[in-house]
C-alpha atoms as a PDB file:
ATOM      1  CA  MET A   1       6.885   4.668  -1.444  1.00  0.00           C
ATOM      2  CA  LYS A   2       8.360   3.873  -4.817  1.00  0.00           C
ATOM      3  CA  GLN A   3       8.127   0.627  -6.735  1.00  0.00           C
ATOM      4  CA  SER A   4      11.865   0.018  -6.353  1.00  0.00           C
ATOM      5  CA  GLU A   5      11.481   0.186  -2.557  1.00  0.00           C
ATOM      6  CA  ILE A   6       8.530  -2.201  -2.650  1.00  0.00           C
ATOM      7  CA  LYS A   7      10.474  -4.817  -4.636  1.00  0.00           C
ATOM      8  CA  ASN A   8      13.048  -5.117  -1.862  1.00  0.00           C
ATOM      9  CA  LEU A   9      10.511  -5.907   0.879  1.00  0.00           C
ATOM     10  CA  SER A  10       9.494  -9.373   2.011  1.00  0.00           C
ATOM     11  CA  LEU A  11       5.869 -10.496   1.934  1.00  0.00           C
ATOM     12  CA  GLU A  12       5.482  -9.961   5.671  1.00  0.00           C
ATOM     13  CA  ASP A  13       7.000  -6.470   5.419  1.00  0.00           C
ATOM     14  CA  LEU A  14       4.625  -5.681   2.568  1.00  0.00           C
ATOM     15  CA  ARG A  15       1.653  -6.663   4.707  1.00  0.00           C
ATOM     16  CA  ASP A  16       2.908  -4.498   7.578  1.00  0.00           C
ATOM     17  CA  LYS A  17       3.421  -1.526   5.258  1.00  0.00           C
ATOM     18  CA  LEU A  18      -0.045  -2.097   3.776  1.00  0.00           C
ATOM     19  CA  ALA A  19      -1.716  -1.985   7.188  1.00  0.00           C
ATOM     20  CA  GLU A  20       0.230   1.152   8.059  1.00  0.00           C
ATOM     21  CA  SER A  21      -0.612   2.839   4.741  1.00  0.00           C
ATOM     22  CA  GLN A  22      -4.296   1.960   4.983  1.00  0.00           C
ATOM     23  CA  LYS A  23      -4.473   3.423   8.489  1.00  0.00           C
ATOM     24  CA  GLN A  24      -2.723   6.566   7.294  1.00  0.00           C
ATOM     25  CA  LEU A  25      -5.163   6.888   4.371  1.00  0.00           C
ATOM     26  CA  THR A  26      -8.154   6.444   6.668  1.00  0.00           C
ATOM     27  CA  ASP A  27      -6.804   9.050   9.080  1.00  0.00           C
ATOM     28  CA  MET A  28      -6.208  11.485   6.220  1.00  0.00           C
ATOM     29  CA  ARG A  29      -9.749  10.956   4.917  1.00  0.00           C
ATOM     30  CA  MET A  30     -11.191  11.648   8.368  1.00  0.00           C
ATOM     31  CA  ALA A  31      -9.081  14.765   8.774  1.00  0.00           C
ATOM     32  CA  HIS A  32     -10.048  15.944   5.288  1.00  0.00           C
ATOM     33  CA  ALA A  33     -13.749  15.501   6.057  1.00  0.00           C
ATOM     34  CA  ILE A  34     -13.479  17.685   9.148  1.00  0.00           C
ATOM     35  CA  THR A  35     -11.027  20.281   7.886  1.00  0.00           C
ATOM     36  CA  PRO A  36      -9.824  20.239   4.278  1.00  0.00           C
ATOM     37  CA  LEU A  37      -6.205  19.214   3.914  1.00  0.00           C
ATOM     38  CA  GLU A  38      -3.721  21.817   2.813  1.00  0.00           C
ATOM     39  CA  ASN A  39      -2.721  19.546  -0.064  1.00  0.00           C
ATOM     40  CA  PRO A  40      -5.583  17.216  -1.030  1.00  0.00           C
ATOM     41  CA  LEU A  41      -3.353  15.487  -3.582  1.00  0.00           C
ATOM     42  CA  GLN A  42      -1.885  13.636  -0.591  1.00  0.00           C
ATOM     43  CA  LEU A  43      -5.036  11.503  -0.625  1.00  0.00           C
ATOM     44  CA  ARG A  44      -4.364  10.441  -4.209  1.00  0.00           C
ATOM     45  CA  ALA A  45      -0.738   9.630  -3.431  1.00  0.00           C
ATOM     46  CA  ALA A  46      -1.744   7.558  -0.395  1.00  0.00           C
ATOM     47  CA  ARG A  47      -4.316   5.634  -2.453  1.00  0.00           C
ATOM     48  CA  LYS A  48      -1.667   4.853  -5.037  1.00  0.00           C
ATOM     49  CA  VAL A  49       0.733   3.558  -2.397  1.00  0.00           C
ATOM     50  CA  VAL A  50      -1.972   1.240  -1.059  1.00  0.00           C
ATOM     51  CA  ALA A  51      -2.686   0.010  -4.592  1.00  0.00           C
ATOM     52  CA  ARG A  52       1.019  -0.616  -5.254  1.00  0.00           C
ATOM     53  CA  LEU A  53       1.355  -2.603  -2.055  1.00  0.00           C
ATOM     54  CA  LEU A  54      -1.752  -4.662  -2.792  1.00  0.00           C
ATOM     55  CA  THR A  55      -0.464  -5.401  -6.290  1.00  0.00           C
ATOM     56  CA  ALA A  56       2.948  -6.466  -4.980  1.00  0.00           C
ATOM     57  CA  ILE A  57       1.344  -8.729  -2.366  1.00  0.00           C
ATOM     58  CA  THR A  58      -0.881 -10.353  -4.978  1.00  0.00           C
ATOM     59  CA  GLU A  59       2.081 -10.908  -7.316  1.00  0.00           C
ATOM     60  CA  ARG A  60       4.144 -12.514  -4.566  1.00  0.00           C
ATOM     61  CA  GLU A  61       1.272 -14.772  -3.540  1.00  0.00           C
ATOM     62  CA  GLN A  62       0.722 -15.835  -7.151  1.00  0.00           C
ATOM     63  CA  GLU A  63       4.433 -16.586  -7.565  1.00  0.00           C
ATOM     64  CA  SER A  64       4.443 -18.728  -4.443  1.00  0.00           C
ATOM     65  CA  LEU A  65       1.374 -20.638  -5.667  1.00  0.00           C
ATOM     66  CA  VAL A  66       3.037 -21.327  -9.012  1.00  0.00           C
ATOM     67  CA  GLU A  67       6.268 -22.418  -7.335  1.00  0.00           C
ATOM     68  CA  ASN A  68       4.416 -24.730  -4.945  1.00  0.00           C
ATOM     69  CA  GLY A  69       2.402 -26.187  -7.797  1.00  0.00           C
ATOM     70  CA  LYS A  70       5.476 -27.276  -9.767  1.00  0.00           C
END
């Protein structure tokens, strides 16, 4: 998932995508522990997607706090 796609999502959608991405990452880690993945770089890409989503969620929450504080 690219940053441009993340910008267009609402906060609730971001949280849904985050839960989905975290589950996918966990499943990939389990599968990799049992049988190595064909492309282990998928783990890195999945971690980065989770980090992007977490960053976007934090930014949105901070923006809403600032807006509510004014």
